[in-house]
Amino acid sequence: MERQHIDITQDLDGEAVVHAVFDLHEDEIGAAAHAVQASCAERFRNTEMSADDVVEYRELTALADELGELAGGGHGTLVMRPARLNAFRAAVGSFVESRDESDWLREEDREALAVSRSLLFPLEELSAEAMRAALDPVPRSV
């Protein structure tokens, strides 16, 4: 993960709009897509969903699809609102945690796990920074 920063601008009504901007390499995009898709499938498989769960499921599915489309295209810049970044961070964290706690690891998870683990700390830092900016926005680029 490279060139991560928070961008705060104003919309047409003068309200602050916070975005987290960061670059991922091709292997990071592929691993992130795999992690989000696996976390989403595990989280919502065989469960009764509330309205909030349906919204979260749709958000994670859309994110996995977008990352999947970027995979194979080399380097990519992602722009996310704080809520989406938090969902992304949580899905990657859940993927890593579930694999670390299991007694076995599927072969297709092996590479994605190593790359996803390296993304956790930068995602946590950027997510915390985005939340601080969203709670106390000042139009600027950090």
Protein backbone atom coordinates (compact mmCIF):
# COMPACT_ATOMS: atom_id res chain seq x y z
CA MET A 1 0.00 0.00 0.00
CA GLU A 2 1.47 3.29 -1.10
CA ARG A 3 0.68 6.99 -1.23
CA GLN A 4 -2.15 6.81 1.28
CA HIS A 5 -3.69 10.09 2.33
CA ILE A 6 -6.95 11.70 3.38
CA ASP A 7 -8.59 14.18 1.05
CA ILE A 8 -11.20 16.57 2.46
CA THR A 9 -13.20 18.69 0.03
CA GLN A 10 -16.53 20.47 0.07
CA ASP A 11 -19.63 19.42 -1.80
CA LEU A 12 -21.98 21.90 -3.49
CA ASP A 13 -23.76 22.58 -0.19
CA GLY A 14 -20.49 23.42 1.57
CA GLU A 15 -20.46 20.17 3.55
CA ALA A 16 -17.14 18.41 4.07
CA VAL A 17 -16.56 15.24 2.05
CA VAL A 18 -13.83 12.91 3.33
CA HIS A 19 -12.10 10.36 1.11
CA ALA A 20 -9.23 7.99 1.82
CA VAL A 21 -6.98 7.66 -1.22
CA PHE A 22 -4.37 4.92 -1.57
CA ASP A 23 -2.57 2.84 -4.16
CA LEU A 24 -2.38 -0.94 -4.25
CA HIS A 25 -0.15 -3.12 -6.41
CA GLU A 26 -1.60 -5.89 -8.53
CA ASP A 27 -0.90 -8.63 -5.95
CA GLU A 28 -2.43 -6.50 -3.18
CA ILE A 29 -5.57 -5.87 -5.22
CA GLY A 30 -5.96 -9.58 -5.95
CA ALA A 31 -5.39 -10.55 -2.33
CA ALA A 32 -7.80 -7.86 -1.11
CA ALA A 33 -10.48 -9.03 -3.55
CA HIS A 34 -10.01 -12.62 -2.38
CA ALA A 35 -10.08 -11.59 1.30
CA VAL A 36 -13.23 -9.47 0.98
CA GLN A 37 -15.03 -12.12 -1.05
CA ALA A 38 -14.09 -14.91 1.37
CA SER A 39 -15.01 -12.84 4.45
CA CYS A 40 -18.34 -11.89 2.93
CA ALA A 41 -19.18 -15.48 2.02
CA GLU A 42 -18.24 -16.76 5.47
CA ARG A 43 -20.02 -13.98 7.35
CA PHE A 44 -23.34 -14.24 5.54
CA ARG A 45 -23.48 -17.93 4.67
CA ASN A 46 -26.36 -19.76 6.34
CA THR A 47 -27.48 -16.82 8.43
CA GLU A 48 -30.70 -14.92 8.75
CA MET A 49 -30.01 -11.33 7.77
CA SER A 50 -31.41 -8.13 9.19
CA ALA A 51 -31.84 -5.01 7.04
CA ASP A 52 -28.44 -3.75 8.26
CA ASP A 53 -26.87 -7.09 7.33
CA VAL A 54 -28.31 -6.83 3.82
CA VAL A 55 -26.80 -3.35 3.40
CA GLU A 56 -23.42 -4.59 4.67
CA TYR A 57 -23.61 -7.64 2.39
CA ARG A 58 -24.35 -5.48 -0.65
CA GLU A 59 -21.50 -3.11 0.22
CA LEU A 60 -18.98 -5.93 0.63
CA THR A 61 -20.17 -7.69 -2.51
CA ALA A 62 -19.82 -4.48 -4.52
CA LEU A 63 -16.36 -3.87 -3.06
CA ALA A 64 -15.24 -7.42 -3.87
CA ASP A 65 -16.55 -7.01 -7.43
CA GLU A 66 -14.75 -3.68 -7.89
CA LEU A 67 -11.49 -5.09 -6.55
CA GLY A 68 -11.91 -8.15 -8.75
CA GLU A 69 -12.28 -5.94 -11.82
CA LEU A 70 -9.07 -4.09 -10.89
CA ALA A 71 -7.13 -7.32 -10.35
CA GLY A 72 -4.89 -8.17 -13.26
CA GLY A 73 -4.65 -4.55 -14.30
CA GLY A 74 -1.46 -3.72 -12.45
CA HIS A 75 -1.27 -0.84 -10.03
CA GLY A 76 -4.53 0.83 -8.94
CA THR A 77 -5.61 3.89 -6.98
CA LEU A 78 -8.60 3.40 -4.69
CA VAL A 79 -10.76 6.18 -3.30
CA MET A 80 -13.10 5.31 -0.43
CA ARG A 81 -15.37 7.09 1.99
CA PRO A 82 -14.58 6.32 5.65
CA ALA A 83 -17.49 3.88 6.06
CA ARG A 84 -16.44 1.84 3.05
CA LEU A 85 -12.82 1.89 4.16
CA ASN A 86 -13.90 0.58 7.59
CA ALA A 87 -15.88 -2.22 5.95
CA PHE A 88 -12.86 -3.05 3.76
CA ARG A 89 -10.50 -3.05 6.75
CA ALA A 90 -12.88 -5.22 8.79
CA ALA A 91 -13.28 -7.76 5.96
CA VAL A 92 -9.52 -8.06 5.45
CA GLY A 93 -9.03 -8.32 9.22
CA SER A 94 -11.70 -11.00 9.50
CA PHE A 95 -10.09 -12.99 6.69
CA VAL A 96 -6.65 -12.86 8.34
CA GLU A 97 -7.99 -13.61 11.82
CA SER A 98 -10.10 -16.57 10.69
CA ARG A 99 -7.17 -18.11 8.82
CA ASP A 100 -4.79 -17.56 11.73
CA GLU A 101 -7.21 -19.29 14.12
CA SER A 102 -7.91 -22.29 11.90
CA ASP A 103 -6.01 -25.56 12.08
CA TRP A 104 -5.63 -25.78 8.33
CA LEU A 105 -5.35 -23.42 5.37
CA ARG A 106 -6.77 -23.85 1.88
CA GLU A 107 -4.15 -23.61 -0.84
CA GLU A 108 -5.99 -20.76 -2.59
CA ASP A 109 -5.89 -18.72 0.65
CA ARG A 110 -2.14 -19.07 1.25
CA GLU A 111 -0.85 -16.23 -0.94
CA ALA A 112 -3.81 -13.95 -0.26
CA LEU A 113 -3.28 -14.40 3.49
CA ALA A 114 0.34 -13.28 3.40
CA VAL A 115 -0.44 -10.19 1.33
CA SER A 116 -3.61 -9.36 3.30
CA ARG A 117 -1.69 -9.58 6.56
CA SER A 118 0.75 -6.94 5.26
CA LEU A 119 -2.19 -4.64 4.41
CA LEU A 120 -3.76 -4.74 7.88
CA PHE A 121 -1.62 -2.18 9.70
CA PRO A 122 -1.68 0.46 6.91
CA LEU A 123 -5.46 -0.03 6.52
CA GLU A 124 -6.00 0.36 10.26
CA GLU A 125 -3.95 3.57 10.36
CA LEU A 126 -5.67 5.04 7.30
CA SER A 127 -9.10 4.05 8.62
CA ALA A 128 -8.44 5.73 11.97
CA GLU A 129 -7.18 8.85 10.19
CA ALA A 130 -10.27 8.89 7.94
CA MET A 131 -12.60 8.59 10.93
CA ARG A 132 -10.84 11.44 12.74
CA ALA A 133 -11.13 13.57 9.61
CA ALA A 134 -14.81 12.71 9.19
CA LEU A 135 -15.57 13.66 12.78
CA ASP A 136 -13.61 16.93 12.62
CA PRO A 137 -13.41 17.86 8.93
CA VAL A 138 -11.37 20.79 7.73
CA PRO A 139 -11.15 21.15 3.92
CA ARG A 140 -7.59 20.09 3.08
CA SER A 141 -5.55 17.33 1.56
CA VAL A 142 -3.48 15.48 4.17
